[in-house]
């Protein structure tokens, strides 16, 4: 977070001193640096002033950062930019829908869902994996096929009870 100025120095040095034209990955790094430092409006302005074709890459970075900082208005703006550009990534639609839910904008939630359906975008189920003793175990939401699923379920319940006993309160926000 303390290296935003250094990021700017390197970004400008590329073209001013080294004659290197920044590519989309350089712009993406700069948007990421600004976003991680909470400088979301500066990141938005930087994206809008970009002189390269970045397609949707930079707006996706900003949308994710807006989720992390709970900046609903700017997140809605970034999400709408992705929709305008025709994004087919389900994450953008889901995040934008969650933002509108948080803002109480039910009609926009429905509009985003209709657009998602119209464009044939479907939300992929959550998936995670872990490697234990050189064996990869994959878990997909709703899939009960793992050979140890009963033992895993018992252990998860034990851990959840322990966390609750220690005072853990799960977050109920959607964005």
N, C-alpha and C. Protein backbone atom coordinates (compact mmCIF):
# COMPACT_ATOMS: atom_id res chain seq x y z
N UNK A 1 0.82 -1.20 0.00
CA UNK A 1 0.00 0.00 0.00
C UNK A 1 0.86 1.26 0.00
N UNK A 2 2.04 1.21 0.53
CA UNK A 2 2.87 2.40 0.59
C UNK A 2 3.68 2.64 -0.66
N UNK A 3 3.47 1.85 -1.69
CA UNK A 3 4.30 1.96 -2.88
C UNK A 3 3.56 2.50 -4.10
N UNK A 4 2.47 3.21 -3.89
CA UNK A 4 1.72 3.75 -5.02
C UNK A 4 2.59 4.73 -5.81
N UNK A 5 3.27 5.61 -5.11
CA UNK A 5 4.11 6.59 -5.79
C UNK A 5 5.24 5.90 -6.57
N UNK A 6 5.81 4.87 -5.98
CA UNK A 6 6.86 4.13 -6.67
C UNK A 6 6.30 3.44 -7.92
N UNK A 7 5.09 2.93 -7.82
CA UNK A 7 4.43 2.32 -8.98
C UNK A 7 4.27 3.33 -10.10
N UNK A 8 3.84 4.55 -9.76
CA UNK A 8 3.71 5.60 -10.76
C UNK A 8 5.06 5.93 -11.40
N UNK A 9 6.08 5.99 -10.58
CA UNK A 9 7.42 6.31 -11.10
C UNK A 9 7.84 5.28 -12.14
N UNK A 10 7.69 4.00 -11.81
CA UNK A 10 8.09 2.94 -12.75
C UNK A 10 7.22 2.94 -13.99
N UNK A 11 5.91 3.15 -13.80
CA UNK A 11 5.01 3.15 -14.95
C UNK A 11 5.39 4.26 -15.94
N UNK A 12 5.65 5.45 -15.42
CA UNK A 12 6.01 6.58 -16.29
C UNK A 12 7.41 6.42 -16.86
N UNK A 13 8.31 5.83 -16.09
CA UNK A 13 9.69 5.62 -16.53
C UNK A 13 9.76 4.71 -17.75
N UNK A 14 8.85 3.75 -17.81
CA UNK A 14 8.85 2.81 -18.93
C UNK A 14 8.87 3.55 -20.27
N UNK A 15 7.92 4.48 -20.42
CA UNK A 15 7.84 5.16 -21.71
C UNK A 15 8.74 6.39 -21.78
N UNK A 16 8.82 7.15 -20.70
CA UNK A 16 9.59 8.41 -20.73
C UNK A 16 11.10 8.20 -20.82
N UNK A 17 11.62 7.19 -20.11
CA UNK A 17 13.07 7.00 -20.07
C UNK A 17 13.55 5.78 -20.84
N UNK A 18 12.70 4.76 -20.90
CA UNK A 18 13.14 3.51 -21.54
C UNK A 18 12.55 3.31 -22.93
N UNK A 19 11.59 4.14 -23.29
CA UNK A 19 10.97 4.02 -24.60
C UNK A 19 10.11 2.78 -24.78
N UNK A 20 9.62 2.23 -23.69
CA UNK A 20 8.78 1.03 -23.73
C UNK A 20 7.32 1.47 -23.65
N UNK A 21 6.53 1.08 -24.62
CA UNK A 21 5.11 1.39 -24.60
C UNK A 21 4.42 0.43 -23.63
N UNK A 22 3.76 0.96 -22.60
CA UNK A 22 3.08 0.07 -21.64
C UNK A 22 2.01 -0.77 -22.34
N UNK A 23 1.96 -2.04 -21.97
CA UNK A 23 0.95 -2.96 -22.50
C UNK A 23 -0.12 -3.16 -21.44
N UNK A 24 -1.11 -3.95 -21.80
CA UNK A 24 -2.26 -4.14 -20.91
C UNK A 24 -1.83 -4.67 -19.54
N UNK A 25 -0.83 -5.55 -19.50
CA UNK A 25 -0.41 -6.08 -18.19
C UNK A 25 0.22 -5.00 -17.30
N UNK A 26 0.85 -4.00 -17.92
CA UNK A 26 1.41 -2.90 -17.13
C UNK A 26 0.29 -2.02 -16.58
N UNK A 27 -0.71 -1.77 -17.41
CA UNK A 27 -1.88 -1.01 -16.94
C UNK A 27 -2.59 -1.79 -15.82
N UNK A 28 -2.70 -3.09 -16.00
CA UNK A 28 -3.36 -3.92 -14.99
C UNK A 28 -2.61 -3.86 -13.66
N UNK A 29 -1.29 -3.89 -13.71
CA UNK A 29 -0.50 -3.77 -12.47
C UNK A 29 -0.75 -2.44 -11.79
N UNK A 30 -0.82 -1.37 -12.58
CA UNK A 30 -1.04 -0.06 -12.00
C UNK A 30 -2.43 0.06 -11.38
N UNK A 31 -3.45 -0.50 -12.06
CA UNK A 31 -4.80 -0.50 -11.50
C UNK A 31 -4.82 -1.32 -10.21
N UNK A 32 -4.12 -2.43 -10.20
CA UNK A 32 -4.06 -3.27 -9.00
C UNK A 32 -3.37 -2.53 -7.85
N UNK A 33 -2.27 -1.85 -8.13
CA UNK A 33 -1.56 -1.08 -7.09
C UNK A 33 -2.48 -0.02 -6.50
N UNK A 34 -3.13 0.72 -7.37
CA UNK A 34 -4.05 1.78 -6.90
C UNK A 34 -5.20 1.18 -6.10
N UNK A 35 -5.76 0.09 -6.60
CA UNK A 35 -6.91 -0.54 -5.95
C UNK A 35 -6.56 -1.08 -4.58
N UNK A 36 -5.42 -1.74 -4.48
CA UNK A 36 -5.00 -2.30 -3.19
C UNK A 36 -4.75 -1.20 -2.14
N UNK A 37 -4.38 -0.02 -2.63
CA UNK A 37 -4.15 1.11 -1.73
C UNK A 37 -5.45 1.85 -1.42
N UNK A 38 -6.56 1.38 -1.97
CA UNK A 38 -7.84 2.02 -1.71
C UNK A 38 -8.09 3.25 -2.55
N UNK A 39 -7.26 3.48 -3.52
CA UNK A 39 -7.40 4.66 -4.39
C UNK A 39 -8.27 4.29 -5.59
N UNK A 40 -9.52 3.94 -5.30
CA UNK A 40 -10.41 3.40 -6.31
C UNK A 40 -10.82 4.44 -7.35
N UNK A 41 -11.07 5.66 -6.92
CA UNK A 41 -11.44 6.71 -7.88
C UNK A 41 -10.27 7.02 -8.81
N UNK A 42 -9.07 7.01 -8.27
CA UNK A 42 -7.88 7.23 -9.09
C UNK A 42 -7.70 6.09 -10.09
N UNK A 43 -8.00 4.86 -9.65
CA UNK A 43 -7.92 3.71 -10.55
C UNK A 43 -8.94 3.86 -11.68
N UNK A 44 -10.16 4.28 -11.35
CA UNK A 44 -11.20 4.49 -12.37
C UNK A 44 -10.74 5.53 -13.38
N UNK A 45 -10.23 6.66 -12.90
CA UNK A 45 -9.76 7.71 -13.81
C UNK A 45 -8.63 7.20 -14.70
N UNK A 46 -7.74 6.40 -14.12
CA UNK A 46 -6.63 5.84 -14.87
C UNK A 46 -7.14 4.92 -15.98
N UNK A 47 -8.12 4.09 -15.65
CA UNK A 47 -8.70 3.19 -16.65
C UNK A 47 -9.31 4.00 -17.79
N UNK A 48 -10.06 5.01 -17.42
CA UNK A 48 -10.74 5.81 -18.45
C UNK A 48 -9.78 6.62 -19.31
N UNK A 49 -8.59 6.86 -18.80
CA UNK A 49 -7.61 7.61 -19.59
C UNK A 49 -6.64 6.69 -20.34
N UNK A 50 -6.81 5.38 -20.18
CA UNK A 50 -5.91 4.42 -20.82
C UNK A 50 -5.93 4.59 -22.33
N UNK A 51 -4.74 4.54 -22.91
CA UNK A 51 -4.60 4.75 -24.35
C UNK A 51 -4.44 3.43 -25.10
N UNK A 52 -4.71 2.34 -24.43
CA UNK A 52 -4.60 1.02 -25.06
C UNK A 52 -5.96 0.34 -25.02
N UNK A 53 -6.12 -0.69 -25.84
CA UNK A 53 -7.33 -1.50 -25.80
C UNK A 53 -7.15 -2.55 -24.70
N UNK A 54 -7.83 -2.34 -23.60
CA UNK A 54 -7.67 -3.25 -22.46
C UNK A 54 -8.86 -4.19 -22.33
N UNK A 55 -9.75 -4.13 -23.31
CA UNK A 55 -10.96 -4.95 -23.28
C UNK A 55 -11.64 -4.78 -21.93
N UNK A 56 -11.75 -5.84 -21.17
CA UNK A 56 -12.47 -5.78 -19.90
C UNK A 56 -11.56 -5.96 -18.70
N UNK A 57 -10.32 -6.27 -18.95
CA UNK A 57 -9.36 -6.63 -17.90
C UNK A 57 -9.32 -5.62 -16.76
N UNK A 58 -9.17 -4.35 -17.07
CA UNK A 58 -8.99 -3.34 -16.02
C UNK A 58 -10.27 -3.12 -15.22
N UNK A 59 -11.42 -3.20 -15.88
CA UNK A 59 -12.69 -3.04 -15.16
C UNK A 59 -12.91 -4.21 -14.19
N UNK A 60 -12.47 -5.42 -14.57
CA UNK A 60 -12.60 -6.58 -13.66
C UNK A 60 -11.78 -6.36 -12.40
N UNK A 61 -10.58 -5.83 -12.55
CA UNK A 61 -9.71 -5.58 -11.39
C UNK A 61 -10.39 -4.57 -10.46
N UNK A 62 -10.91 -3.50 -11.04
CA UNK A 62 -11.57 -2.47 -10.24
C UNK A 62 -12.82 -3.01 -9.56
N UNK A 63 -13.61 -3.80 -10.27
CA UNK A 63 -14.83 -4.37 -9.67
C UNK A 63 -14.49 -5.22 -8.45
N UNK A 64 -13.48 -6.04 -8.56
CA UNK A 64 -13.07 -6.87 -7.41
C UNK A 64 -12.60 -6.01 -6.24
N UNK A 65 -11.86 -4.96 -6.54
CA UNK A 65 -11.38 -4.07 -5.48
C UNK A 65 -12.55 -3.36 -4.81
N UNK A 66 -13.55 -2.99 -5.59
CA UNK A 66 -14.74 -2.34 -5.02
C UNK A 66 -15.45 -3.28 -4.06
N UNK A 67 -15.46 -4.57 -4.38
CA UNK A 67 -16.04 -5.55 -3.45
C UNK A 67 -15.25 -5.55 -2.15
N UNK A 68 -13.93 -5.58 -2.26
CA UNK A 68 -13.09 -5.62 -1.06
C UNK A 68 -13.27 -4.39 -0.18
N UNK A 69 -13.45 -3.23 -0.80
CA UNK A 69 -13.59 -1.97 -0.06
C UNK A 69 -15.05 -1.57 0.16
N UNK A 70 -15.98 -2.41 -0.31
CA UNK A 70 -17.41 -2.15 -0.16
C UNK A 70 -17.82 -0.79 -0.74
N UNK A 71 -17.21 -0.44 -1.86
CA UNK A 71 -17.56 0.79 -2.56
C UNK A 71 -18.62 0.43 -3.60
N UNK A 72 -19.88 0.42 -3.16
CA UNK A 72 -20.98 -0.07 -3.99
C UNK A 72 -21.21 0.77 -5.25
N UNK A 73 -21.17 2.09 -5.10
CA UNK A 73 -21.46 2.95 -6.25
C UNK A 73 -20.43 2.77 -7.36
N UNK A 74 -19.16 2.82 -6.99
CA UNK A 74 -18.11 2.64 -8.00
C UNK A 74 -18.11 1.20 -8.53
N UNK A 75 -18.42 0.25 -7.66
CA UNK A 75 -18.52 -1.14 -8.10
C UNK A 75 -19.63 -1.31 -9.14
N UNK A 76 -20.75 -0.64 -8.92
CA UNK A 76 -21.85 -0.69 -9.89
C UNK A 76 -21.40 -0.08 -11.22
N UNK A 77 -20.66 1.00 -11.14
CA UNK A 77 -20.15 1.66 -12.35
C UNK A 77 -19.23 0.71 -13.13
N UNK A 78 -18.29 0.09 -12.43
CA UNK A 78 -17.36 -0.84 -13.08
C UNK A 78 -18.11 -2.05 -13.64
N UNK A 79 -19.06 -2.56 -12.88
CA UNK A 79 -19.84 -3.70 -13.34
C UNK A 79 -20.65 -3.37 -14.58
N UNK A 80 -21.24 -2.18 -14.60
CA UNK A 80 -22.00 -1.76 -15.78
C UNK A 80 -21.09 -1.60 -17.00
N UNK A 81 -19.86 -1.13 -16.78
CA UNK A 81 -18.90 -1.04 -17.88
C UNK A 81 -18.64 -2.43 -18.46
N UNK A 82 -18.49 -3.42 -17.58
CA UNK A 82 -18.27 -4.79 -18.05
C UNK A 82 -19.48 -5.30 -18.84
N UNK A 83 -20.69 -4.96 -18.38
CA UNK A 83 -21.89 -5.38 -19.09
C UNK A 83 -21.96 -4.72 -20.47
N UNK A 84 -21.62 -3.43 -20.53
CA UNK A 84 -21.61 -2.70 -21.80
C UNK A 84 -20.64 -3.33 -22.79
N UNK A 85 -19.52 -3.80 -22.28
CA UNK A 85 -18.50 -4.41 -23.13
C UNK A 85 -18.83 -5.85 -23.50
N UNK A 86 -19.94 -6.37 -22.95
CA UNK A 86 -20.39 -7.72 -23.31
C UNK A 86 -19.71 -8.84 -22.58
N UNK A 87 -19.29 -8.61 -21.34
CA UNK A 87 -18.63 -9.66 -20.57
C UNK A 87 -19.46 -10.93 -20.53
N UNK A 88 -18.79 -12.05 -20.66
CA UNK A 88 -19.45 -13.35 -20.55
C UNK A 88 -18.96 -14.11 -19.31
N UNK A 89 -18.29 -13.41 -18.41
CA UNK A 89 -17.79 -14.03 -17.18
C UNK A 89 -18.85 -13.93 -16.09
N UNK A 90 -19.23 -15.05 -15.56
CA UNK A 90 -20.30 -15.06 -14.57
C UNK A 90 -19.97 -14.25 -13.33
N UNK A 91 -18.71 -14.19 -12.95
CA UNK A 91 -18.33 -13.47 -11.74
C UNK A 91 -18.73 -12.00 -11.80
N UNK A 92 -18.58 -11.38 -12.96
CA UNK A 92 -18.94 -9.97 -13.09
C UNK A 92 -20.43 -9.77 -12.86
N UNK A 93 -21.25 -10.65 -13.41
CA UNK A 93 -22.70 -10.55 -13.24
C UNK A 93 -23.11 -10.79 -11.79
N UNK A 94 -22.51 -11.80 -11.18
CA UNK A 94 -22.83 -12.13 -9.80
C UNK A 94 -22.44 -10.98 -8.87
N UNK A 95 -21.24 -10.42 -9.07
CA UNK A 95 -20.82 -9.29 -8.24
C UNK A 95 -21.72 -8.08 -8.44
N UNK A 96 -22.06 -7.78 -9.69
CA UNK A 96 -22.92 -6.63 -9.95
C UNK A 96 -24.30 -6.84 -9.34
N UNK A 97 -24.83 -8.03 -9.46
CA UNK A 97 -26.12 -8.36 -8.85
C UNK A 97 -26.06 -8.20 -7.33
N UNK A 98 -24.97 -8.65 -6.73
CA UNK A 98 -24.79 -8.52 -5.28
C UNK A 98 -24.69 -7.06 -4.85
N UNK A 99 -24.04 -6.26 -5.66
CA UNK A 99 -23.94 -4.82 -5.37
C UNK A 99 -25.32 -4.21 -5.36
N UNK A 100 -26.10 -4.50 -6.40
CA UNK A 100 -27.44 -3.93 -6.49
C UNK A 100 -28.33 -4.43 -5.35
N UNK A 101 -28.14 -5.68 -4.94
CA UNK A 101 -28.88 -6.19 -3.78
C UNK A 101 -28.52 -5.39 -2.53
N UNK A 102 -27.22 -5.14 -2.34
CA UNK A 102 -26.76 -4.36 -1.18
C UNK A 102 -27.31 -2.94 -1.20
N UNK A 103 -27.50 -2.39 -2.40
CA UNK A 103 -28.02 -1.03 -2.54
C UNK A 103 -29.54 -0.99 -2.51
N UNK A 104 -30.18 -2.17 -2.45
CA UNK A 104 -31.64 -2.23 -2.44
C UNK A 104 -32.25 -1.91 -3.80
N UNK A 105 -31.50 -2.10 -4.85
CA UNK A 105 -31.98 -1.78 -6.21
C UNK A 105 -32.45 -3.06 -6.89
N UNK A 106 -33.60 -3.53 -6.46
CA UNK A 106 -34.15 -4.82 -6.91
C UNK A 106 -34.35 -4.88 -8.42
N UNK A 107 -34.79 -3.77 -9.02
CA UNK A 107 -35.03 -3.77 -10.47
C UNK A 107 -33.73 -3.96 -11.25
N UNK A 108 -32.63 -3.43 -10.70
CA UNK A 108 -31.33 -3.62 -11.35
C UNK A 108 -30.83 -5.05 -11.16
N UNK A 109 -31.13 -5.65 -10.02
CA UNK A 109 -30.78 -7.06 -9.81
C UNK A 109 -31.45 -7.91 -10.88
N UNK A 110 -32.74 -7.68 -11.08
CA UNK A 110 -33.49 -8.45 -12.08
C UNK A 110 -32.97 -8.18 -13.50
N UNK A 111 -32.63 -6.93 -13.79
CA UNK A 111 -32.11 -6.57 -15.11
C UNK A 111 -30.79 -7.32 -15.39
N UNK A 112 -29.90 -7.35 -14.39
CA UNK A 112 -28.62 -8.05 -14.55
C UNK A 112 -28.85 -9.54 -14.75
N UNK A 113 -29.78 -10.11 -14.00
CA UNK A 113 -30.07 -11.54 -14.15
C UNK A 113 -30.67 -11.86 -15.52
N UNK A 114 -31.54 -10.96 -16.02
CA UNK A 114 -32.11 -11.16 -17.36
C UNK A 114 -31.01 -11.09 -18.42
N UNK A 115 -30.10 -10.13 -18.26
CA UNK A 115 -29.01 -9.97 -19.21
C UNK A 115 -28.11 -11.21 -19.19
N UNK A 116 -27.88 -11.72 -18.01
CA UNK A 116 -27.06 -12.92 -17.85
C UNK A 116 -27.70 -14.09 -18.59
N UNK A 117 -29.00 -14.24 -18.42
CA UNK A 117 -29.74 -15.32 -19.07
C UNK A 117 -29.74 -15.12 -20.58
N UNK A 118 -30.00 -13.89 -21.02
CA UNK A 118 -30.05 -13.58 -22.45
C UNK A 118 -28.73 -13.89 -23.14
N UNK A 119 -27.63 -13.60 -22.45
CA UNK A 119 -26.30 -13.82 -23.02
C UNK A 119 -25.79 -15.25 -22.82
N UNK A 120 -26.57 -16.07 -22.14
CA UNK A 120 -26.18 -17.46 -21.94
C UNK A 120 -25.07 -17.65 -20.93
N UNK A 121 -24.96 -16.71 -20.00
CA UNK A 121 -23.92 -16.79 -18.96
C UNK A 121 -24.50 -17.54 -17.77
N UNK A 122 -23.80 -18.55 -17.32
CA UNK A 122 -24.28 -19.29 -16.15
C UNK A 122 -23.22 -19.28 -15.06
N UNK A 123 -23.69 -19.25 -13.84
CA UNK A 123 -22.78 -19.23 -12.70
C UNK A 123 -22.23 -20.63 -12.49
N UNK A 124 -20.94 -20.71 -12.44
CA UNK A 124 -20.30 -21.99 -12.21
C UNK A 124 -20.31 -22.28 -10.70
N UNK A 125 -20.50 -23.54 -10.33
CA UNK A 125 -20.51 -23.86 -8.90
C UNK A 125 -19.14 -23.63 -8.27
N UNK A 126 -19.15 -23.28 -6.99
CA UNK A 126 -17.91 -23.08 -6.26
C UNK A 126 -17.09 -24.36 -6.21
N UNK A 127 -15.80 -24.22 -6.26
CA UNK A 127 -14.93 -25.39 -6.29
C UNK A 127 -13.66 -25.07 -5.50
N UNK A 128 -13.20 -26.04 -4.76
CA UNK A 128 -11.92 -25.89 -4.07
C UNK A 128 -11.23 -27.24 -4.05
N UNK A 129 -9.96 -27.23 -3.76
CA UNK A 129 -9.21 -28.47 -3.71
C UNK A 129 -8.07 -28.33 -2.73
N UNK A 130 -7.61 -29.49 -2.30
CA UNK A 130 -6.48 -29.55 -1.37
C UNK A 130 -5.67 -30.79 -1.72
N UNK A 131 -4.36 -30.68 -1.56
CA UNK A 131 -3.50 -31.83 -1.81
C UNK A 131 -3.01 -32.34 -0.46
N UNK A 132 -3.25 -33.63 -0.20
CA UNK A 132 -2.79 -34.29 1.02
C UNK A 132 -2.07 -35.57 0.63
N UNK A 133 -0.86 -35.71 1.09
CA UNK A 133 -0.06 -36.91 0.83
C UNK A 133 -0.04 -37.24 -0.67
N UNK A 134 0.27 -36.22 -1.48
CA UNK A 134 0.39 -36.35 -2.93
C UNK A 134 -0.90 -36.74 -3.64
N UNK A 135 -2.04 -36.58 -2.97
CA UNK A 135 -3.32 -36.86 -3.60
C UNK A 135 -4.17 -35.59 -3.56
N UNK A 136 -4.72 -35.21 -4.71
CA UNK A 136 -5.54 -34.01 -4.81
C UNK A 136 -7.00 -34.38 -4.55
N UNK A 137 -7.64 -33.66 -3.64
CA UNK A 137 -9.05 -33.84 -3.32
C UNK A 137 -9.80 -32.61 -3.81
N UNK A 138 -10.78 -32.82 -4.69
CA UNK A 138 -11.55 -31.74 -5.28
C UNK A 138 -12.95 -31.74 -4.67
N UNK A 139 -13.43 -30.53 -4.35
CA UNK A 139 -14.76 -30.37 -3.78
C UNK A 139 -15.53 -29.34 -4.60
N UNK A 140 -16.71 -29.73 -5.06
CA UNK A 140 -17.59 -28.85 -5.82
C UNK A 140 -18.88 -28.71 -5.04
N UNK A 141 -19.40 -27.48 -4.98
CA UNK A 141 -20.64 -27.23 -4.24
C UNK A 141 -21.73 -28.21 -4.70
N UNK A 142 -22.35 -28.88 -3.75
CA UNK A 142 -23.44 -29.80 -4.04
C UNK A 142 -23.01 -31.21 -4.38
N UNK A 143 -21.73 -31.43 -4.61
CA UNK A 143 -21.23 -32.75 -4.98
C UNK A 143 -20.97 -33.55 -3.71
N UNK A 144 -21.58 -34.71 -3.60
CA UNK A 144 -21.43 -35.54 -2.40
C UNK A 144 -20.72 -36.86 -2.73
N UNK A 145 -19.90 -36.86 -3.77
CA UNK A 145 -19.29 -38.09 -4.26
C UNK A 145 -17.94 -38.43 -3.62
N UNK A 146 -17.36 -37.52 -2.87
CA UNK A 146 -16.05 -37.83 -2.29
C UNK A 146 -16.19 -39.04 -1.36
N UNK A 147 -15.25 -39.99 -1.42
CA UNK A 147 -15.37 -41.21 -0.61
C UNK A 147 -15.36 -40.95 0.90
N UNK A 148 -14.84 -39.82 1.33
CA UNK A 148 -14.79 -39.51 2.76
C UNK A 148 -15.79 -38.41 3.15
N UNK A 149 -16.83 -38.20 2.33
CA UNK A 149 -17.72 -37.06 2.53
C UNK A 149 -18.39 -37.07 3.91
N UNK A 150 -18.74 -38.23 4.42
CA UNK A 150 -19.39 -38.28 5.74
C UNK A 150 -18.42 -37.83 6.83
N UNK A 151 -17.19 -38.33 6.80
CA UNK A 151 -16.18 -37.93 7.79
C UNK A 151 -15.85 -36.44 7.67
N UNK A 152 -15.78 -35.97 6.43
CA UNK A 152 -15.49 -34.55 6.20
C UNK A 152 -16.61 -33.69 6.78
N UNK A 153 -17.86 -34.10 6.54
CA UNK A 153 -19.01 -33.36 7.08
C UNK A 153 -19.00 -33.30 8.60
N UNK A 154 -18.66 -34.42 9.23
CA UNK A 154 -18.58 -34.46 10.70
C UNK A 154 -17.50 -33.50 11.18
N UNK A 155 -16.34 -33.51 10.52
CA UNK A 155 -15.23 -32.63 10.92
C UNK A 155 -15.58 -31.16 10.71
N UNK A 156 -16.25 -30.84 9.62
CA UNK A 156 -16.67 -29.45 9.38
C UNK A 156 -17.62 -28.99 10.47
N UNK A 157 -18.56 -29.83 10.83
CA UNK A 157 -19.51 -29.47 11.90
C UNK A 157 -18.78 -29.26 13.23
N UNK A 158 -17.78 -30.11 13.50
CA UNK A 158 -17.00 -29.96 14.73
C UNK A 158 -16.26 -28.62 14.73
N UNK A 159 -15.63 -28.30 13.59
CA UNK A 159 -14.90 -27.04 13.48
C UNK A 159 -15.84 -25.84 13.59
N UNK A 160 -17.01 -25.94 12.94
CA UNK A 160 -17.98 -24.84 13.00
C UNK A 160 -18.45 -24.60 14.43
N UNK A 161 -18.70 -25.68 15.16
CA UNK A 161 -19.13 -25.55 16.56
C UNK A 161 -18.02 -24.90 17.39
N UNK A 162 -16.78 -25.34 17.16
CA UNK A 162 -15.64 -24.76 17.89
C UNK A 162 -15.52 -23.27 17.59
N UNK A 163 -15.65 -22.90 16.33
CA UNK A 163 -15.55 -21.48 15.95
C UNK A 163 -16.69 -20.68 16.62
N UNK A 164 -17.88 -21.23 16.60
CA UNK A 164 -19.03 -20.54 17.20
C UNK A 164 -18.82 -20.39 18.71
N UNK A 165 -18.31 -21.44 19.35
CA UNK A 165 -18.02 -21.37 20.79
C UNK A 165 -16.99 -20.31 21.12
N UNK A 166 -16.08 -20.03 20.16
CA UNK A 166 -15.05 -19.02 20.35
C UNK A 166 -15.54 -17.61 20.01
N UNK A 167 -16.81 -17.51 19.56
CA UNK A 167 -17.38 -16.20 19.29
C UNK A 167 -17.45 -15.79 17.83
N UNK A 168 -17.12 -16.69 16.92
CA UNK A 168 -17.18 -16.35 15.49
C UNK A 168 -18.62 -16.09 15.07
N UNK A 169 -18.81 -14.99 14.34
CA UNK A 169 -20.11 -14.65 13.77
C UNK A 169 -19.94 -14.56 12.26
N UNK A 170 -20.58 -15.44 11.49
CA UNK A 170 -20.43 -15.36 10.04
C UNK A 170 -21.03 -14.08 9.49
N UNK A 171 -20.43 -13.57 8.42
CA UNK A 171 -20.93 -12.37 7.77
C UNK A 171 -22.19 -12.70 7.01
N UNK A 172 -23.17 -11.80 7.04
CA UNK A 172 -24.42 -12.03 6.32
C UNK A 172 -24.57 -11.09 5.14
N UNK A 173 -23.53 -10.29 4.85
CA UNK A 173 -23.63 -9.38 3.70
C UNK A 173 -23.36 -10.16 2.43
N UNK A 174 -23.95 -9.68 1.33
CA UNK A 174 -23.79 -10.38 0.06
C UNK A 174 -22.68 -9.79 -0.78
N UNK A 175 -22.22 -8.60 -0.48
CA UNK A 175 -21.19 -7.95 -1.31
C UNK A 175 -19.99 -7.64 -0.47
